[in-house]
């Protein structure tokens, strides 16, 4: 396609330069050549290769220009479409980025909230563990005190049982002595 275009372009340049230049003094051969060409065009007879190419040249040029215009409009449409597509893609990417940024901010706020709650819970747990440790110490003290009381009470129980047994023995001895004295006094 480009080779045809360049040939016709070069040819038209040559032709324009020949036709645009003012005829200096036409030579007799040039006059006869022009006269022959004019007579052929008027008579309708033509040389197949040269006259067809000359007569088809304006319509070929028009077709070529129309084709170039179509190609230019198509490329401009494609460029516009691609620009619009890029613009649409950019806008959609921008909106998506904004949505993601808002979600990220929400997630960061939620994360900060969760961290603060976690810290509060950790502090409460430390307080509870410190409270628990103090409570455990108090419980241990109370347990030791109760164990001491229990051991003291067990000691007292042993003493009481010994005293009861001594008391019972003394009662028995006293009863025996009373019987002996009553027998002796009779």
Protein backbone atom coordinates (compact mmCIF):
# COMPACT_ATOMS: atom_id res chain seq x y z
CA UNK A 1 0.00 0.00 0.00
CA UNK A 2 2.74 2.45 0.89
CA UNK A 3 4.69 1.69 -2.26
CA UNK A 4 1.67 2.60 -4.40
CA UNK A 5 1.18 5.72 -2.38
CA UNK A 6 4.77 6.85 -2.73
CA UNK A 7 4.80 6.21 -6.48
CA UNK A 8 1.67 8.17 -7.11
CA UNK A 9 2.89 10.92 -4.82
CA UNK A 10 6.17 11.20 -6.66
CA UNK A 11 4.38 11.12 -9.96
CA UNK A 12 2.01 13.89 -8.93
CA UNK A 13 4.93 15.98 -7.80
CA UNK A 14 6.60 15.58 -11.14
CA UNK A 15 3.39 16.35 -12.95
CA UNK A 16 2.68 19.42 -10.83
CA UNK A 17 6.13 20.73 -11.34
CA UNK A 18 5.75 20.33 -15.09
CA UNK A 19 2.28 21.83 -15.28
CA UNK A 20 2.89 24.62 -12.76
CA UNK A 21 6.00 25.89 -14.45
CA UNK A 22 5.21 28.46 -17.11
CA UNK A 23 6.00 27.31 -20.58
CA UNK A 24 9.05 29.13 -21.68
CA UNK A 25 9.02 28.68 -25.35
CA UNK A 26 7.43 25.47 -26.40
CA UNK A 27 9.56 23.40 -28.58
CA UNK A 28 8.10 22.08 -31.80
CA UNK A 29 8.11 18.51 -30.43
CA UNK A 30 6.23 19.59 -27.32
CA UNK A 31 3.66 21.37 -29.45
CA UNK A 32 3.09 18.31 -31.56
CA UNK A 33 2.88 16.12 -28.47
CA UNK A 34 0.25 18.39 -26.94
CA UNK A 35 -1.59 18.59 -30.23
CA UNK A 36 -1.66 14.79 -30.53
CA UNK A 37 -2.90 14.40 -26.98
CA UNK A 38 -5.66 16.95 -27.47
CA UNK A 39 -6.74 15.36 -30.70
CA UNK A 40 -6.88 11.94 -29.05
CA UNK A 41 -8.98 13.25 -26.17
CA UNK A 42 -11.37 14.99 -28.56
CA UNK A 43 -11.66 12.03 -30.88
CA UNK A 44 -12.21 9.56 -28.07
CA UNK A 45 -9.39 7.33 -29.24
CA UNK A 46 -6.74 6.71 -26.72
CA UNK A 47 -3.53 4.94 -26.05
CA UNK A 48 -4.49 2.27 -23.63
CA UNK A 49 -1.71 2.67 -21.07
CA UNK A 50 -1.22 6.42 -21.00
CA UNK A 51 -4.73 7.85 -21.41
CA UNK A 52 -6.32 5.43 -18.87
CA UNK A 53 -3.80 6.35 -16.29
CA UNK A 54 -4.32 10.07 -16.94
CA UNK A 55 -8.11 9.85 -16.93
CA UNK A 56 -8.24 7.55 -13.88
CA UNK A 57 -5.83 9.69 -11.94
CA UNK A 58 -8.38 12.17 -10.47
CA UNK A 59 -10.76 9.39 -9.45
CA UNK A 60 -7.88 7.32 -8.04
CA UNK A 61 -6.66 10.38 -6.18
CA UNK A 62 -10.15 10.95 -4.83
CA UNK A 63 -10.44 7.31 -3.80
CA UNK A 64 -7.01 7.44 -2.17
CA UNK A 65 -7.87 10.64 -0.32
CA UNK A 66 -11.19 9.17 0.76
CA UNK A 67 -9.41 6.03 1.97
CA UNK A 68 -6.84 8.14 3.84
CA UNK A 69 -9.64 10.20 5.38
CA UNK A 70 -11.41 7.03 6.48
CA UNK A 71 -8.19 5.63 7.95
CA UNK A 72 -7.52 8.94 9.69
CA UNK A 73 -11.03 9.03 11.12
CA UNK A 74 -10.74 5.40 12.21
CA UNK A 75 -7.41 6.03 13.89
CA UNK A 76 -8.78 9.17 15.53
CA UNK A 77 -11.83 7.17 16.68
CA UNK A 78 -9.60 4.42 17.98
CA UNK A 79 -7.44 7.00 19.74
CA UNK A 80 -10.55 8.68 21.17
CA UNK A 81 -11.95 5.30 22.19
CA UNK A 82 -8.66 4.31 23.72
CA UNK A 83 -8.44 7.69 25.44
CA UNK A 84 -11.99 7.26 26.68
CA UNK A 85 -11.19 3.72 27.73
CA UNK A 86 -8.10 4.93 29.55
CA UNK A 87 -10.14 7.68 31.12
CA UNK A 88 -12.83 5.21 32.17
CA UNK A 89 -10.20 2.82 33.46
CA UNK A 90 -8.50 5.65 35.33
CA UNK A 91 -11.79 6.80 36.83
CA UNK A 92 -12.76 3.27 37.84
CA UNK A 93 -9.32 2.69 39.31
CA UNK A 94 -9.57 5.99 41.14
CA UNK A 95 -12.98 5.14 42.62
CA UNK A 96 -11.76 1.70 43.55
CA UNK A 97 -8.70 3.23 45.21
CA UNK A 98 -10.92 5.61 47.15
CA UNK A 99 -13.13 2.73 48.27
CA UNK A 100 -10.09 0.75 49.32
CA UNK A 101 -8.67 3.77 51.16
CA UNK A 102 -11.93 4.20 53.07
CA UNK A 103 -11.97 0.49 53.90
CA UNK A 104 -8.35 0.75 55.01
CA UNK A 105 -9.17 3.70 57.27
CA UNK A 106 -12.12 1.79 58.73
CA UNK A 107 -9.91 -1.23 59.30
CA UNK A 108 -7.24 0.95 60.93
CA UNK A 109 -9.85 2.52 63.22
CA UNK A 110 -11.19 -0.90 64.07
CA UNK A 111 -7.65 -2.13 64.71
CA UNK A 112 -6.96 0.82 67.01
CA UNK A 113 -10.22 0.12 68.84
CA UNK A 114 -9.37 -3.55 69.22
CA UNK A 115 -5.86 -2.67 70.43
CA UNK A 116 -7.25 -0.30 73.06
CA UNK A 117 -9.73 -2.96 74.21
CA UNK A 118 -6.94 -5.51 74.32
CA UNK A 119 -4.76 -3.18 76.39
CA UNK A 120 -7.65 -2.53 78.79
CA UNK A 121 -8.24 -6.25 79.13
CA UNK A 122 -4.53 -6.83 79.71
CA UNK A 123 -4.51 -4.16 82.43
CA UNK A 124 -7.60 -5.67 84.01
CA UNK A 125 -6.00 -9.08 83.85
CA UNK A 126 -2.85 -7.74 85.49
CA UNK A 127 -4.99 -6.09 88.15
CA UNK A 128 -6.88 -9.32 88.61
CA UNK A 129 -3.68 -11.30 88.78
CA UNK A 130 -2.27 -8.83 91.28
CA UNK A 131 -5.60 -8.99 93.12
CA UNK A 132 -5.54 -12.74 92.80
CA UNK A 133 -2.01 -12.92 94.08
CA UNK A 134 -2.96 -10.73 97.04
CA UNK A 135 -6.11 -12.81 97.52
CA UNK A 136 -4.05 -15.96 97.26
CA UNK A 137 -1.63 -14.65 99.86
CA UNK A 138 -4.54 -13.76 102.14
CA UNK A 139 -6.07 -17.17 101.58
CA UNK A 140 -2.74 -18.83 102.33
CA UNK A 141 -2.44 -16.84 105.55
CA UNK A 142 -6.00 -17.73 106.51
CA UNK A 143 -5.35 -21.37 105.68
CA UNK A 144 -2.21 -21.40 107.81
CA UNK A 145 -4.14 -19.74 110.63
CA UNK A 146 -6.93 -22.28 110.31
CA UNK A 147 -4.44 -25.13 110.25
CA UNK A 148 -2.84 -23.77 113.41
CA UNK A 149 -6.25 -23.48 115.05
CA UNK A 150 -7.07 -27.00 113.97
CA UNK A 151 -3.84 -28.36 115.37
CA UNK A 152 -4.45 -26.42 118.61
CA UNK A 153 -7.99 -27.75 118.79
CA UNK A 154 -6.76 -31.26 118.16
CA UNK A 155 -4.31 -30.77 121.04
CA UNK A 156 -7.13 -29.48 123.18
CA UNK A 157 -9.28 -32.44 122.16
CA UNK A 158 -6.51 -34.79 123.24
CA UNK A 159 -6.21 -32.92 126.51
CA UNK A 160 -9.98 -33.02 126.90
CA UNK A 161 -10.13 -36.72 126.26
CA UNK A 162 -7.32 -37.22 128.76
CA UNK A 163 -9.14 -35.00 131.23
CA UNK A 164 -12.36 -36.89 130.67
CA UNK A 165 -10.64 -40.17 131.17
CA UNK A 166 -8.91 -38.77 134.30
CA UNK A 167 -12.23 -37.41 135.47
CA UNK A 168 -13.91 -40.74 134.85
CA UNK A 169 -11.13 -42.55 136.67
CA UNK A 170 -11.38 -40.14 139.55
CA UNK A 171 -15.15 -40.62 139.64
CA UNK A 172 -14.68 -44.34 139.73
CA UNK A 173 -12.10 -44.07 142.52
CA UNK A 174 -14.32 -41.69 144.41
CA UNK A 175 -17.24 -44.09 144.11
CA UNK A 176 -15.06 -46.94 145.29
CA UNK A 177 -13.85 -44.91 148.23
CA UNK A 178 -17.40 -43.98 149.13
CA UNK A 179 -18.39 -47.64 149.13
CA UNK A 180 -15.41 -48.56 151.24
CA UNK A 181 -16.19 -45.80 153.72
CA UNK A 182 -19.86 -46.77 153.80
CA UNK A 183 -18.92 -50.40 154.49
CA UNK A 184 -16.53 -49.35 157.16
CA UNK A 185 -19.07 -47.13 158.81
CA UNK A 186 -21.72 -49.76 158.93
